[in-house]
Protein backbone atom coordinates (compact mmCIF):
# COMPACT_ATOMS: atom_id res chain seq x y z
CA MET A 1 -63.10 -47.66 0.04
CA GLN A 2 -60.19 -48.99 2.07
CA HIS A 3 -57.30 -46.66 2.86
CA LEU A 4 -53.73 -47.52 3.69
CA VAL A 5 -51.23 -45.16 5.25
CA ALA A 6 -47.65 -46.25 4.53
CA ALA A 7 -44.51 -45.02 6.26
CA ARG A 8 -40.94 -45.89 5.32
CA LEU A 9 -37.64 -45.93 7.15
CA ARG A 10 -35.46 -43.00 6.25
CA GLU A 11 -31.93 -43.60 4.98
CA ASP A 12 -29.05 -41.16 5.39
CA ALA A 13 -28.24 -39.32 2.20
CA ASP A 14 -25.50 -40.44 -0.15
CA GLY A 15 -25.03 -40.70 -3.90
CA GLU A 16 -27.45 -43.63 -4.20
CA ALA A 17 -30.02 -42.45 -1.68
CA VAL A 18 -32.70 -41.60 -4.25
CA ALA A 19 -32.53 -44.98 -5.97
CA ARG A 20 -32.64 -46.81 -2.61
CA ALA A 21 -35.57 -44.75 -1.36
CA ILE A 22 -37.59 -45.33 -4.52
CA ALA A 23 -36.85 -49.05 -4.45
CA ALA A 24 -37.89 -49.20 -0.78
CA ALA A 25 -41.16 -47.39 -1.53
CA ARG A 26 -41.91 -49.76 -4.41
CA ALA A 27 -41.23 -52.80 -2.22
CA LEU A 28 -43.42 -51.46 0.61
CA ILE A 29 -46.32 -50.79 -1.74
CA ASP A 30 -45.97 -54.28 -3.25
CA GLN A 31 -46.02 -55.73 0.27
CA ALA A 32 -48.97 -53.61 1.37
CA VAL A 33 -51.03 -54.60 -1.66
CA ALA A 34 -50.24 -58.28 -1.15
CA GLU A 35 -51.11 -58.21 2.56
CA GLU A 36 -53.87 -55.62 2.86
CA LYS A 37 -55.36 -55.19 -0.63
CA PRO A 38 -55.90 -51.43 -0.26
CA ASP A 39 -57.61 -49.15 -2.76
CA TRP A 40 -55.47 -46.11 -1.87
CA VAL A 41 -51.86 -45.84 -0.75
CA CYS A 42 -50.17 -42.79 0.76
CA LEU A 43 -46.41 -42.31 1.00
CA PRO A 44 -44.60 -39.82 3.29
CA GLU A 45 -43.26 -36.39 2.43
CA VAL A 46 -40.03 -36.28 0.38
CA PHE A 47 -39.88 -40.07 0.31
CA ASP A 48 -37.42 -39.85 -2.59
CA PHE A 49 -34.75 -37.79 -0.81
CA MET A 50 -34.82 -36.22 2.63
CA GLY A 51 -32.21 -33.86 4.00
CA GLY A 52 -29.06 -32.80 2.21
CA SER A 53 -27.75 -29.45 1.12
CA PHE A 54 -29.38 -27.09 -1.36
CA GLU A 55 -27.18 -28.52 -4.11
CA GLU A 56 -28.01 -32.11 -3.16
CA LYS A 57 -31.73 -31.38 -3.19
CA ARG A 58 -31.43 -29.82 -6.63
CA ALA A 59 -29.43 -32.80 -7.91
CA ALA A 60 -31.98 -35.25 -6.48
CA SER A 61 -34.99 -33.43 -7.98
CA GLU A 62 -36.78 -34.54 -11.13
CA THR A 63 -38.72 -32.80 -13.88
CA LEU A 64 -42.43 -33.63 -13.92
CA PRO A 65 -43.92 -35.56 -15.55
CA GLY A 66 -41.24 -38.23 -15.70
CA GLY A 67 -38.29 -39.03 -13.51
CA PRO A 68 -37.62 -42.15 -11.44
CA ALA A 69 -39.99 -41.49 -8.51
CA TYR A 70 -42.81 -40.31 -10.78
CA THR A 71 -42.39 -43.32 -13.06
CA MET A 72 -42.30 -45.78 -10.16
CA MET A 73 -45.58 -44.47 -8.76
CA GLN A 74 -47.20 -44.45 -12.18
CA GLU A 75 -46.12 -48.03 -12.87
CA ILE A 76 -47.13 -49.42 -9.51
CA ALA A 77 -50.56 -47.74 -9.56
CA LYS A 78 -51.25 -49.36 -12.91
CA LYS A 79 -49.72 -52.70 -11.92
CA HIS A 80 -51.87 -53.09 -8.80
CA GLY A 81 -54.91 -51.08 -9.85
CA VAL A 82 -54.66 -48.79 -6.80
CA TYR A 83 -54.64 -45.05 -6.22
CA VAL A 84 -51.19 -43.80 -5.23
CA HIS A 85 -51.02 -40.54 -3.30
CA GLY A 86 -47.36 -39.93 -3.87
CA GLY A 87 -46.36 -38.37 -0.54
CA SER A 88 -44.13 -35.70 -1.98
CA ILE A 89 -41.07 -35.66 -4.19
CA LEU A 90 -38.55 -33.00 -5.13
CA GLU A 91 -39.74 -31.33 -8.33
CA ARG A 92 -37.14 -29.64 -10.51
CA LEU A 93 -38.36 -26.22 -11.61
CA SER A 94 -37.41 -24.67 -14.93
CA ASP A 95 -37.62 -21.02 -13.90
CA GLU A 96 -35.55 -20.95 -10.69
CA PRO A 97 -32.96 -23.03 -8.81
CA ARG A 98 -35.20 -23.90 -5.87
CA VAL A 99 -37.24 -27.12 -6.04
CA GLY A 100 -40.90 -27.84 -5.45
CA ASN A 101 -42.10 -30.05 -2.59
CA THR A 102 -44.76 -31.72 -4.67
CA THR A 103 -47.44 -34.39 -4.29
CA VAL A 104 -48.43 -36.30 -7.42
CA VAL A 105 -51.50 -38.58 -7.40
CA PHE A 106 -52.19 -41.46 -9.79
CA ASN A 107 -55.43 -43.33 -10.41
CA ARG A 108 -55.86 -47.08 -10.89
CA LYS A 109 -54.78 -46.81 -14.53
CA GLY A 110 -51.54 -45.03 -13.66
CA GLU A 111 -52.85 -41.68 -14.91
CA GLU A 112 -51.86 -38.50 -13.08
CA ILE A 113 -55.02 -36.96 -11.62
CA ALA A 114 -53.68 -34.34 -9.19
CA ARG A 115 -50.56 -32.37 -8.35
CA TYR A 116 -50.06 -30.23 -5.25
CA SER A 117 -47.06 -28.16 -4.12
CA LYS A 118 -46.65 -27.52 -0.39
CA ILE A 119 -47.85 -24.01 0.45
CA HIS A 120 -46.44 -23.34 3.91
CA MET A 121 -42.67 -23.51 4.23
CA PHE A 122 -41.00 -24.80 7.38
CA ASP A 123 -39.12 -21.65 8.38
CA ILE A 124 -38.81 -21.90 12.15
CA THR A 125 -36.46 -22.03 15.12
CA ALA A 126 -37.00 -25.33 16.96
CA PRO A 127 -37.14 -25.62 20.77
CA ASP A 128 -33.51 -26.78 20.79
CA GLY A 129 -32.44 -23.63 18.92
CA LYS A 130 -31.93 -25.29 15.55
CA GLN A 131 -33.08 -23.13 12.64
CA TYR A 132 -34.93 -24.45 9.60
CA ASN A 133 -35.31 -22.38 6.44
CA GLU A 134 -37.17 -24.56 3.96
CA SER A 135 -38.06 -21.63 1.72
CA ALA A 136 -34.36 -21.15 0.88
CA ALA A 137 -34.39 -24.46 -1.01
CA MET A 138 -38.08 -24.99 -1.84
CA ARG A 139 -40.59 -22.77 -3.60
CA PRO A 140 -44.05 -22.67 -2.03
CA GLY A 141 -47.14 -23.50 -4.02
CA ASP A 142 -50.35 -21.48 -4.07
CA ALA A 143 -53.13 -23.84 -5.20
CA VAL A 144 -55.76 -25.61 -3.07
CA VAL A 145 -56.03 -29.10 -4.59
CA THR A 146 -58.59 -31.89 -4.31
CA TYR A 147 -59.29 -34.95 -6.44
CA ASP A 148 -61.88 -37.69 -6.83
CA CYS A 149 -61.05 -41.20 -5.62
CA ASP A 150 -63.89 -43.54 -6.54
CA GLY A 151 -66.51 -41.03 -5.46
CA VAL A 152 -64.61 -39.76 -2.41
CA THR A 153 -63.11 -36.24 -2.57
CA VAL A 154 -59.57 -36.20 -1.20
CA GLY A 155 -57.76 -32.99 -0.24
CA CYS A 156 -54.01 -32.44 -0.41
CA ALA A 157 -51.73 -30.99 2.28
CA ILE A 158 -48.12 -31.59 3.32
CA CYS A 159 -46.48 -31.59 6.77
CA TYR A 160 -46.14 -27.98 8.05
CA ASP A 161 -49.41 -27.11 6.31
CA ILE A 162 -51.08 -28.77 9.32
CA ARG A 163 -50.45 -25.64 11.41
CA PHE A 164 -52.57 -23.46 9.10
CA PRO A 165 -56.28 -24.22 9.61
CA ALA A 166 -57.38 -21.93 6.77
CA LEU A 167 -55.97 -24.33 4.19
CA PHE A 168 -57.93 -27.22 5.65
CA GLN A 169 -61.12 -25.18 5.75
CA ALA A 170 -60.53 -24.27 2.10
CA LEU A 171 -60.18 -27.98 1.29
CA ALA A 172 -63.40 -28.73 3.15
CA ASP A 173 -65.11 -25.88 1.27
CA LYS A 174 -64.06 -27.61 -1.97
CA GLY A 175 -65.81 -30.76 -0.79
CA ALA A 176 -62.93 -32.72 0.73
CA GLN A 177 -64.14 -35.71 2.74
CA VAL A 178 -60.64 -37.06 3.39
CA ILE A 179 -57.46 -34.99 3.72
CA ALA A 180 -54.10 -36.64 3.11
CA LEU A 181 -51.08 -35.32 5.00
CA PRO A 182 -47.73 -36.81 4.01
CA ALA A 183 -45.15 -35.45 6.41
CA ALA A 184 -41.60 -35.47 7.74
CA PHE A 185 -42.22 -33.90 11.14
CA THR A 186 -39.25 -33.22 13.38
CA LEU A 187 -39.06 -35.04 16.68
CA GLN A 188 -38.71 -31.74 18.58
CA THR A 189 -42.16 -30.55 17.58
CA GLY A 190 -43.79 -33.80 16.55
CA LYS A 191 -43.66 -35.49 19.93
CA ASP A 192 -46.00 -32.84 21.33
CA HIS A 193 -47.94 -31.52 18.34
CA TRP A 194 -48.20 -34.17 15.58
CA GLU A 195 -51.28 -36.09 16.63
CA VAL A 196 -53.12 -33.29 18.40
CA LEU A 197 -52.93 -31.10 15.29
CA ILE A 198 -54.18 -33.92 13.07
CA ARG A 199 -57.12 -34.50 15.39
CA ALA A 200 -57.83 -30.76 15.58
CA ARG A 201 -57.99 -30.39 11.80
CA ALA A 202 -60.33 -33.41 11.60
CA ILE A 203 -62.67 -31.92 14.21
CA GLU A 204 -62.66 -28.43 12.67
CA THR A 205 -63.37 -29.59 9.13
CA GLU A 206 -65.38 -32.75 9.88
CA THR A 207 -63.16 -34.67 7.47
CA TYR A 208 -61.14 -37.83 7.82
CA MET A 209 -57.38 -37.25 8.13
CA CYS A 210 -54.81 -39.73 6.82
CA ALA A 211 -51.27 -38.75 7.78
CA ALA A 212 -48.13 -40.63 6.69
CA GLY A 213 -44.98 -39.53 8.49
CA GLN A 214 -41.31 -40.29 8.03
CA THR A 215 -39.44 -42.32 10.61
CA GLY A 216 -35.95 -43.74 11.02
CA THR A 217 -32.61 -42.98 12.62
CA GLY A 218 -32.00 -39.50 11.22
CA PRO A 219 -31.69 -36.58 13.65
CA ASN A 220 -34.72 -34.64 12.41
CA VAL A 221 -37.37 -37.29 11.85
CA LEU A 222 -40.35 -37.90 14.08
CA VAL A 223 -39.10 -41.07 15.77
CA GLY A 224 -35.46 -41.49 16.79
CA THR A 225 -35.45 -45.26 16.33
CA PRO A 226 -38.12 -47.75 15.25
CA SER A 227 -38.40 -48.90 18.88
CA GLY A 228 -38.57 -45.37 20.28
CA SER A 229 -35.49 -46.01 22.42
CA THR A 230 -33.66 -42.82 21.44
CA HIS A 231 -36.45 -40.76 22.97
CA GLU A 232 -38.99 -42.03 25.44
CA ILE A 233 -42.06 -41.46 23.34
CA GLY A 234 -43.84 -44.76 23.83
CA SER A 235 -46.38 -45.47 21.11
CA LEU A 236 -46.25 -42.09 19.34
CA ALA A 237 -47.95 -42.64 16.00
CA PHE A 238 -46.01 -41.52 12.95
CA ALA A 239 -48.72 -42.71 10.56
CA THR A 240 -52.24 -41.93 11.68
CA ALA A 241 -55.83 -42.11 10.43
CA VAL A 242 -58.39 -39.99 12.28
CA ARG A 243 -62.12 -39.94 11.70
CA ARG A 244 -63.95 -36.64 11.30
CA HIS A 245 -64.83 -36.25 14.99
CA GLY A 246 -61.19 -36.54 16.03
CA LEU A 247 -61.11 -40.21 17.06
CA ARG A 248 -57.94 -42.03 16.00
CA VAL A 249 -59.00 -45.16 14.13
CA ALA A 250 -55.66 -46.51 12.91
CA TYR A 251 -52.00 -45.85 13.47
CA LEU A 252 -48.49 -47.15 12.99
CA GLY A 253 -46.35 -46.20 15.97
CA ALA A 254 -42.89 -46.52 17.39
CA ASP A 255 -43.74 -49.75 19.14
CA VAL A 256 -45.04 -51.43 15.95
CA PRO A 257 -42.47 -53.50 14.01
């Protein structure tokens, strides 16, 4: 089974940001299928809408099943006959104003086969003093989720989950052979911790790790510019595949067009 890790360029939020992001994801998957013929495609965390206020996140969220991001992934999985591991999207919840940070997975027929909500919320103070309080806008999940992909068991995690080894051990205990990690790591922490944590989780669990990170010109994404010129980070990989003994086998980095 061939895997593809796809990353997209982040756009600043405005009234049409969701539609643009979804269109960009569709175009990138179309391009990837045409050029690489993958069996499995992974998008980054919150590829539909990143950033924004509490109210903007709520407005950008969608009820599942359905909604523009959900429908796009469903259609494109069926169109190309590929598995789509839908990064994560903002899920509108019926019982509270916060949203879910939710992965949805589709099989080759466009059928939903898995849904995972991020468990560990990004509530931290960064090295530069900036505070993040993800739990104020997003409700954490509580389920450990795996699914079958043509005989390969894939485990689900999202971004900040990477810092909690117990989740990855639980996925391995459920038979995960590959663990997907869509992410939107900050540059402050990602430049030092992103790849080493991915490799650590692969070594600990003896699974393959496929991590798809956000990039672009926003202030809080992993790479300041596509060339890395905003911060001297060289070939830092924002999309990474690591085999189970911790060896990086594929990446898309700041120096890759």
